[in-house]
């Protein structure tokens, strides 16, 4: 394809050169060689013109993923450089339904993450040891947060679990020493060794939750402050 474009460009240049040489300022026909005109356009310039078209292809996605049986995808890795990351709802026209096991583990560049609508699961260790991560926005489509999903996120200060979340597995917040506020919207969601009590002492966290909720009862029994969800 590149060779045929070159031929077309050279033909156009030769035609233009012939017209210029045939009609001079006096109107008389001249027979000067066109070589000097053609030589001013190097083959390198033709190559650049042709190559310019091939550089218009879209950049490859910065997200790695695997396709699930239901036709959605799970994000398995990230190769971008954004620190405040807004994960899209679709990648390559596939709906993002999960953040896979250890997908963003130990990514110390991340400071905040917004997860997409349509996401259903945050899997094991998905954001483990993201030590600079301070905020995570979880949409109200997520139903499950797996083991150690945010373990070791030592800069995480606040996080909200929407009412759609029905299961949070053990150690989800182990090592989140900066966590000051955990909002739990589902009144039926029960605590299951999330890591809010490490050793004999609980974290200095306030749990914001519905009055009479399962998590409120657990917090009061374990000396953790609560605040009624408005």
C-alpha atoms as a PDB file:
ATOM      1  CA  UNK A   1       0.000   0.000   0.000  1.00  0.00           C
ATOM      2  CA  UNK A   2       2.821   2.384   0.905  1.00  0.00           C
ATOM      3  CA  UNK A   3       4.535   1.744  -2.465  1.00  0.00           C
ATOM      4  CA  UNK A   4       1.406   2.641  -4.490  1.00  0.00           C
ATOM      5  CA  UNK A   5       1.017   5.927  -2.581  1.00  0.00           C
ATOM      6  CA  UNK A   6       4.589   6.807  -3.455  1.00  0.00           C
ATOM      7  CA  UNK A   7       3.937   6.200  -7.150  1.00  0.00           C
ATOM      8  CA  UNK A   8       0.844   8.414  -7.065  1.00  0.00           C
ATOM      9  CA  UNK A   9       2.706  11.276  -5.384  1.00  0.00           C
ATOM     10  CA  UNK A  10       5.635  11.074  -7.817  1.00  0.00           C
ATOM     11  CA  UNK A  11       3.228  11.100 -10.773  1.00  0.00           C
ATOM     12  CA  UNK A  12       1.518  14.225  -9.454  1.00  0.00           C
ATOM     13  CA  UNK A  13       4.851  15.996  -8.994  1.00  0.00           C
ATOM     14  CA  UNK A  14       5.994  15.139 -12.523  1.00  0.00           C
ATOM     15  CA  UNK A  15       2.739  16.433 -13.991  1.00  0.00           C
ATOM     16  CA  UNK A  16       3.023  19.722 -12.127  1.00  0.00           C
ATOM     17  CA  UNK A  17       6.657  20.096 -13.194  1.00  0.00           C
ATOM     18  CA  UNK A  18       5.761  19.618 -16.866  1.00  0.00           C
ATOM     19  CA  UNK A  19       3.099  22.349 -16.760  1.00  0.00           C
ATOM     20  CA  UNK A  20       5.510  24.852 -15.175  1.00  0.00           C
ATOM     21  CA  UNK A  21       8.220  24.135 -17.736  1.00  0.00           C
ATOM     22  CA  UNK A  22       5.878  24.272 -20.761  1.00  0.00           C
ATOM     23  CA  UNK A  23       4.550  27.780 -20.109  1.00  0.00           C
ATOM     24  CA  UNK A  24       7.183  30.412 -19.259  1.00  0.00           C
ATOM     25  CA  UNK A  25       6.790  34.153 -18.525  1.00  0.00           C
ATOM     26  CA  UNK A  26       6.997  34.986 -22.251  1.00  0.00           C
ATOM     27  CA  UNK A  27       4.347  32.426 -23.212  1.00  0.00           C
ATOM     28  CA  UNK A  28       6.907  30.526 -25.315  1.00  0.00           C
ATOM     29  CA  UNK A  29       7.281  26.771 -24.952  1.00  0.00           C
ATOM     30  CA  UNK A  30      10.373  25.787 -23.015  1.00  0.00           C
ATOM     31  CA  UNK A  31      12.119  22.413 -22.932  1.00  0.00           C
ATOM     32  CA  UNK A  32      13.925  22.650 -19.615  1.00  0.00           C
ATOM     33  CA  UNK A  33      14.426  19.405 -17.751  1.00  0.00           C
ATOM     34  CA  UNK A  34      12.106  18.754 -14.868  1.00  0.00           C
ATOM     35  CA  UNK A  35      14.845  16.998 -12.902  1.00  0.00           C
ATOM     36  CA  UNK A  36      15.727  20.054 -10.802  1.00  0.00           C
ATOM     37  CA  UNK A  37      12.129  20.490  -9.647  1.00  0.00           C
ATOM     38  CA  UNK A  38      11.626  16.848  -8.871  1.00  0.00           C
ATOM     39  CA  UNK A  39      14.904  16.687  -6.959  1.00  0.00           C
ATOM     40  CA  UNK A  40      13.656  19.307  -4.480  1.00  0.00           C
ATOM     41  CA  UNK A  41      11.136  16.751  -3.199  1.00  0.00           C
ATOM     42  CA  UNK A  42      13.100  13.975  -1.581  1.00  0.00           C
ATOM     43  CA  UNK A  43      11.959  10.421  -1.171  1.00  0.00           C
ATOM     44  CA  UNK A  44      12.142  10.970   2.572  1.00  0.00           C
ATOM     45  CA  UNK A  45       9.410  13.595   2.309  1.00  0.00           C
ATOM     46  CA  UNK A  46       7.181  11.140   0.435  1.00  0.00           C
ATOM     47  CA  UNK A  47       7.853   8.557   3.113  1.00  0.00           C
ATOM     48  CA  UNK A  48       6.840  11.066   5.790  1.00  0.00           C
ATOM     49  CA  UNK A  49       3.591  11.876   3.979  1.00  0.00           C
ATOM     50  CA  UNK A  50       2.683   8.217   3.698  1.00  0.00           C
ATOM     51  CA  UNK A  51       3.759   7.336   7.225  1.00  0.00           C
ATOM     52  CA  UNK A  52       1.682  10.186   8.607  1.00  0.00           C
ATOM     53  CA  UNK A  53      -1.493   8.261   7.798  1.00  0.00           C
ATOM     54  CA  UNK A  54      -0.360   5.140   9.641  1.00  0.00           C
ATOM     55  CA  UNK A  55       0.129   7.141  12.863  1.00  0.00           C
ATOM     56  CA  UNK A  56      -3.568   7.942  13.210  1.00  0.00           C
ATOM     57  CA  UNK A  57      -4.466   4.593  14.781  1.00  0.00           C
ATOM     58  CA  UNK A  58      -5.977   4.893  18.299  1.00  0.00           C
ATOM     59  CA  UNK A  59      -3.721   4.268  21.283  1.00  0.00           C
ATOM     60  CA  UNK A  60      -4.093   0.868  22.902  1.00  0.00           C
ATOM     61  CA  UNK A  61      -6.178   0.735  26.082  1.00  0.00           C
ATOM     62  CA  UNK A  62      -4.280   1.235  29.339  1.00  0.00           C
ATOM     63  CA  UNK A  63      -6.518  -1.362  30.984  1.00  0.00           C
ATOM     64  CA  UNK A  64      -5.845  -5.068  30.831  1.00  0.00           C
ATOM     65  CA  UNK A  65      -8.877  -7.324  31.159  1.00  0.00           C
ATOM     66  CA  UNK A  66     -10.354 -10.761  30.738  1.00  0.00           C
ATOM     67  CA  UNK A  67     -13.731 -11.527  29.184  1.00  0.00           C
ATOM     68  CA  UNK A  68     -16.244 -13.247  31.460  1.00  0.00           C
ATOM     69  CA  UNK A  69     -18.752 -15.914  30.446  1.00  0.00           C
ATOM     70  CA  UNK A  70     -21.583 -13.370  30.478  1.00  0.00           C
ATOM     71  CA  UNK A  71     -19.791 -11.130  27.971  1.00  0.00           C
ATOM     72  CA  UNK A  72     -18.693  -8.536  30.521  1.00  0.00           C
ATOM     73  CA  UNK A  73     -15.063  -8.024  31.520  1.00  0.00           C
ATOM     74  CA  UNK A  74     -12.964  -7.977  34.661  1.00  0.00           C
ATOM     75  CA  UNK A  75     -10.158  -5.413  34.834  1.00  0.00           C
ATOM     76  CA  UNK A  76      -6.954  -7.371  35.578  1.00  0.00           C
ATOM     77  CA  UNK A  77      -4.316  -4.645  35.339  1.00  0.00           C
ATOM     78  CA  UNK A  78      -3.553  -1.007  34.630  1.00  0.00           C
ATOM     79  CA  UNK A  79      -0.655   0.426  32.608  1.00  0.00           C
ATOM     80  CA  UNK A  80      -1.574   4.106  32.700  1.00  0.00           C
ATOM     81  CA  UNK A  81      -0.132   6.992  34.680  1.00  0.00           C
ATOM     82  CA  UNK A  82      -3.232   8.706  36.096  1.00  0.00           C
ATOM     83  CA  UNK A  83      -3.103   9.299  39.844  1.00  0.00           C
ATOM     84  CA  UNK A  84      -6.763  10.349  40.177  1.00  0.00           C
ATOM     85  CA  UNK A  85      -8.238   7.463  38.212  1.00  0.00           C
ATOM     86  CA  UNK A  86     -11.782   7.391  36.809  1.00  0.00           C
ATOM     87  CA  UNK A  87     -12.328   3.833  35.583  1.00  0.00           C
ATOM     88  CA  UNK A  88     -14.689   3.796  32.566  1.00  0.00           C
ATOM     89  CA  UNK A  89     -17.922   1.812  32.492  1.00  0.00           C
ATOM     90  CA  UNK A  90     -16.868   0.170  29.220  1.00  0.00           C
ATOM     91  CA  UNK A  91     -13.522  -0.791  27.699  1.00  0.00           C
ATOM     92  CA  UNK A  92     -13.406  -1.765  24.020  1.00  0.00           C
ATOM     93  CA  UNK A  93     -17.232  -1.822  24.118  1.00  0.00           C
ATOM     94  CA  UNK A  94     -17.271  -4.391  26.950  1.00  0.00           C
ATOM     95  CA  UNK A  95     -19.092  -3.574  30.195  1.00  0.00           C
ATOM     96  CA  UNK A  96     -16.754  -3.560  33.202  1.00  0.00           C
ATOM     97  CA  UNK A  97     -18.385  -5.780  35.857  1.00  0.00           C
ATOM     98  CA  UNK A  98     -15.453  -6.537  38.159  1.00  0.00           C
ATOM     99  CA  UNK A  99     -12.060  -5.427  39.384  1.00  0.00           C
ATOM    100  CA  UNK A 100     -10.173  -8.717  39.366  1.00  0.00           C
ATOM    101  CA  UNK A 101      -7.886 -10.233  41.989  1.00  0.00           C
ATOM    102  CA  UNK A 102      -4.878  -7.980  42.721  1.00  0.00           C
ATOM    103  CA  UNK A 103      -5.559  -5.820  39.640  1.00  0.00           C
ATOM    104  CA  UNK A 104      -4.158  -2.620  41.172  1.00  0.00           C
ATOM    105  CA  UNK A 105      -2.093  -4.136  43.963  1.00  0.00           C
ATOM    106  CA  UNK A 106       0.804  -1.978  45.232  1.00  0.00           C
ATOM    107  CA  UNK A 107       0.096   0.863  42.800  1.00  0.00           C
ATOM    108  CA  UNK A 108       1.607   3.671  44.846  1.00  0.00           C
ATOM    109  CA  UNK A 109       0.801   6.313  42.222  1.00  0.00           C
ATOM    110  CA  UNK A 110      -2.956   6.125  42.825  1.00  0.00           C
ATOM    111  CA  UNK A 111      -4.378   8.804  45.106  1.00  0.00           C
ATOM    112  CA  UNK A 112      -8.095   8.426  44.292  1.00  0.00           C
ATOM    113  CA  UNK A 113     -10.266   6.004  42.348  1.00  0.00           C
ATOM    114  CA  UNK A 114     -13.795   6.376  40.986  1.00  0.00           C
ATOM    115  CA  UNK A 115     -15.323   3.017  40.108  1.00  0.00           C
ATOM    116  CA  UNK A 116     -17.871   2.804  37.262  1.00  0.00           C
ATOM    117  CA  UNK A 117     -21.622   2.272  37.329  1.00  0.00           C
ATOM    118  CA  UNK A 118     -22.338  -1.318  36.403  1.00  0.00           C
ATOM    119  CA  UNK A 119     -19.490  -2.690  38.489  1.00  0.00           C
ATOM    120  CA  UNK A 120     -20.671  -5.643  40.594  1.00  0.00           C
ATOM    121  CA  UNK A 121     -17.581  -7.028  42.361  1.00  0.00           C
ATOM    122  CA  UNK A 122     -14.319  -5.825  43.849  1.00  0.00           C
ATOM    123  CA  UNK A 123     -12.302  -9.002  44.082  1.00  0.00           C
ATOM    124  CA  UNK A 124      -9.560 -10.257  46.386  1.00  0.00           C
ATOM    125  CA  UNK A 125      -6.695  -7.832  46.986  1.00  0.00           C
ATOM    126  CA  UNK A 126      -7.890  -5.603  44.136  1.00  0.00           C
ATOM    127  CA  UNK A 127      -6.378  -2.457  45.696  1.00  0.00           C
ATOM    128  CA  UNK A 128      -4.142  -4.078  48.290  1.00  0.00           C
ATOM    129  CA  UNK A 129      -1.141  -2.000  49.388  1.00  0.00           C
ATOM    130  CA  UNK A 130      -2.077   1.098  47.378  1.00  0.00           C
ATOM    131  CA  UNK A 131      -0.359   3.159  50.027  1.00  0.00           C
ATOM    132  CA  UNK A 132      -1.185   6.634  48.654  1.00  0.00           C
ATOM    133  CA  UNK A 133      -4.860   5.936  47.967  1.00  0.00           C
ATOM    134  CA  UNK A 134      -6.978   8.340  50.039  1.00  0.00           C
ATOM    135  CA  UNK A 135     -10.490   8.065  48.531  1.00  0.00           C
ATOM    136  CA  UNK A 136     -12.523   5.462  46.646  1.00  0.00           C
ATOM    137  CA  UNK A 137     -15.951   6.100  45.118  1.00  0.00           C
ATOM    138  CA  UNK A 138     -17.997   2.878  44.992  1.00  0.00           C
ATOM    139  CA  UNK A 139     -21.154   2.929  42.824  1.00  0.00           C
ATOM    140  CA  UNK A 140     -24.521   1.587  43.979  1.00  0.00           C
ATOM    141  CA  UNK A 141     -24.217  -1.385  41.626  1.00  0.00           C
ATOM    142  CA  UNK A 142     -21.514  -3.165  43.650  1.00  0.00           C
ATOM    143  CA  UNK A 143     -22.794  -6.144  45.663  1.00  0.00           C
ATOM    144  CA  UNK A 144     -19.620  -7.855  46.857  1.00  0.00           C
ATOM    145  CA  UNK A 145     -16.222  -6.802  48.198  1.00  0.00           C
ATOM    146  CA  UNK A 146     -13.840  -9.731  48.524  1.00  0.00           C
ATOM    147  CA  UNK A 147     -11.077 -10.607  50.956  1.00  0.00           C
ATOM    148  CA  UNK A 148      -8.384  -7.950  51.565  1.00  0.00           C
ATOM    149  CA  UNK A 149      -9.738  -5.766  48.756  1.00  0.00           C
ATOM    150  CA  UNK A 150      -8.355  -2.599  50.414  1.00  0.00           C
ATOM    151  CA  UNK A 151      -5.889  -4.155  52.857  1.00  0.00           C
ATOM    152  CA  UNK A 152      -2.783  -2.062  53.388  1.00  0.00           C
ATOM    153  CA  UNK A 153      -4.333   1.133  51.980  1.00  0.00           C
ATOM    154  CA  UNK A 154      -2.702   3.049  54.796  1.00  0.00           C
ATOM    155  CA  UNK A 155      -3.728   6.515  53.522  1.00  0.00           C
ATOM    156  CA  UNK A 156      -7.422   5.707  53.003  1.00  0.00           C
ATOM    157  CA  UNK A 157      -9.400   8.147  55.150  1.00  0.00           C
ATOM    158  CA  UNK A 158     -13.054   7.499  54.276  1.00  0.00           C
ATOM    159  CA  UNK A 159     -15.119   5.082  52.248  1.00  0.00           C
ATOM    160  CA  UNK A 160     -18.838   4.459  51.687  1.00  0.00           C
ATOM    161  CA  UNK A 161     -20.359   1.038  51.105  1.00  0.00           C
ATOM    162  CA  UNK A 162     -23.657   1.547  49.207  1.00  0.00           C
ATOM    163  CA  UNK A 163     -26.847  -0.241  50.194  1.00  0.00           C
ATOM    164  CA  UNK A 164     -26.337  -2.671  47.327  1.00  0.00           C
ATOM    165  CA  UNK A 165     -23.295  -4.168  49.080  1.00  0.00           C
ATOM    166  CA  UNK A 166     -24.487  -7.401  50.714  1.00  0.00           C
ATOM    167  CA  UNK A 167     -21.138  -9.074  51.430  1.00  0.00           C
ATOM    168  CA  UNK A 168     -17.756  -7.800  52.609  1.00  0.00           C
ATOM    169  CA  UNK A 169     -15.205 -10.516  53.259  1.00  0.00           C
ATOM    170  CA  UNK A 170     -12.530 -10.711  55.942  1.00  0.00           C
ATOM    171  CA  UNK A 171      -9.543  -8.365  56.065  1.00  0.00           C
ATOM    172  CA  UNK A 172     -11.137  -5.952  53.586  1.00  0.00           C
ATOM    173  CA  UNK A 173      -9.726  -3.003  55.567  1.00  0.00           C
ATOM    174  CA  UNK A 174      -6.818  -4.580  57.433  1.00  0.00           C
ATOM    175  CA  UNK A 175      -3.929  -2.131  57.696  1.00  0.00           C
ATOM    176  CA  UNK A 176      -6.084   0.941  56.902  1.00  0.00           C
ATOM    177  CA  UNK A 177      -4.690   2.876  59.865  1.00  0.00           C
ATOM    178  CA  UNK A 178      -5.859   6.282  58.553  1.00  0.00           C
ATOM    179  CA  UNK A 179      -9.494   5.236  58.115  1.00  0.00           C
ATOM    180  CA  UNK A 180     -11.575   7.758  60.032  1.00  0.00           C
ATOM    181  CA  UNK A 181     -15.059   7.224  58.590  1.00  0.00           C
ATOM    182  CA  UNK A 182     -16.724   4.110  57.223  1.00  0.00           C
ATOM    183  CA  UNK A 183     -20.274   4.548  55.939  1.00  0.00           C
ATOM    184  CA  UNK A 184     -22.347   1.365  55.736  1.00  0.00           C
ATOM    185  CA  UNK A 185     -25.715   1.958  54.033  1.00  0.00           C
ATOM    186  CA  UNK A 186     -27.107  -1.572  54.109  1.00  0.00           C
ATOM    187  CA  UNK A 187     -28.841  -2.159  57.482  1.00  0.00           C
ATOM    188  CA  UNK A 188     -28.453  -5.928  57.102  1.00  0.00           C
ATOM    189  CA  UNK A 189     -24.722  -5.994  56.294  1.00  0.00           C
ATOM    190  CA  UNK A 190     -22.896  -7.846  59.065  1.00  0.00           C
ATOM    191  CA  UNK A 191     -19.313  -7.428  60.154  1.00  0.00           C
ATOM    192  CA  UNK A 192     -17.047 -10.339  59.213  1.00  0.00           C
ATOM    193  CA  UNK A 193     -13.526  -9.641  60.464  1.00  0.00           C
ATOM    194  CA  UNK A 194     -12.974  -6.704  58.141  1.00  0.00           C
ATOM    195  CA  UNK A 195      -9.865  -5.578  59.983  1.00  0.00           C
ATOM    196  CA  UNK A 196     -11.413  -2.738  61.989  1.00  0.00           C
ATOM    197  CA  UNK A 197     -10.218  -4.433  65.170  1.00  0.00           C
ATOM    198  CA  UNK A 198      -6.538  -5.301  65.070  1.00  0.00           C
ATOM    199  CA  UNK A 199      -5.235  -6.966  68.207  1.00  0.00           C
ATOM    200  CA  UNK A 200      -7.025  -5.755  71.303  1.00  0.00           C
ATOM    201  CA  UNK A 201      -7.777  -2.234  70.086  1.00  0.00           C
ATOM    202  CA  UNK A 202     -10.209  -1.091  67.371  1.00  0.00           C
ATOM    203  CA  UNK A 203      -9.268   1.512  64.784  1.00  0.00           C
ATOM    204  CA  UNK A 204     -10.119   5.131  65.590  1.00  0.00           C
ATOM    205  CA  UNK A 205     -12.938   4.984  63.052  1.00  0.00           C
ATOM    206  CA  UNK A 206     -16.524   6.219  63.161  1.00  0.00           C
ATOM    207  CA  UNK A 207     -19.081   3.981  61.487  1.00  0.00           C
ATOM    208  CA  UNK A 208     -21.923   5.914  59.874  1.00  0.00           C
ATOM    209  CA  UNK A 209     -24.909   3.606  59.490  1.00  0.00           C
ATOM    210  CA  UNK A 210     -28.711   3.298  59.799  1.00  0.00           C
ATOM    211  CA  UNK A 211     -30.111   3.244  63.321  1.00  0.00           C
ATOM    212  CA  UNK A 212     -30.675  -0.310  64.514  1.00  0.00           C
ATOM    213  CA  UNK A 213     -28.504  -1.802  61.773  1.00  0.00           C
ATOM    214  CA  UNK A 214     -26.413  -4.931  62.180  1.00  0.00           C
ATOM    215  CA  UNK A 215     -23.169  -3.004  61.914  1.00  0.00           C
ATOM    216  CA  UNK A 216     -24.306  -0.483  64.541  1.00  0.00           C
ATOM    217  CA  UNK A 217     -24.907  -3.279  67.039  1.00  0.00           C
ATOM    218  CA  UNK A 218     -21.497  -4.769  66.334  1.00  0.00           C
ATOM    219  CA  UNK A 219     -19.743  -1.388  66.635  1.00  0.00           C
ATOM    220  CA  UNK A 220     -21.347  -0.614  69.984  1.00  0.00           C
ATOM    221  CA  UNK A 221     -20.349  -4.027  71.332  1.00  0.00           C
ATOM    222  CA  UNK A 222     -16.734  -3.437  70.283  1.00  0.00           C
ATOM    223  CA  UNK A 223     -16.233   0.119  71.456  1.00  0.00           C
ATOM    224  CA  UNK A 224     -16.330   1.742  68.023  1.00  0.00           C
ATOM    225  CA  UNK A 225     -18.054   5.113  67.616  1.00  0.00           C
ATOM    226  CA  UNK A 226     -21.181   5.275  65.476  1.00  0.00           C
ATOM    227  CA  UNK A 227     -23.164   8.021  63.817  1.00  0.00           C
ATOM    228  CA  UNK A 228     -26.695   7.657  62.503  1.00  0.00           C
ATOM    229  CA  UNK A 229     -26.947   7.836  58.759  1.00  0.00           C
ATOM    230  CA  UNK A 230     -29.167  10.735  57.757  1.00  0.00           C
END
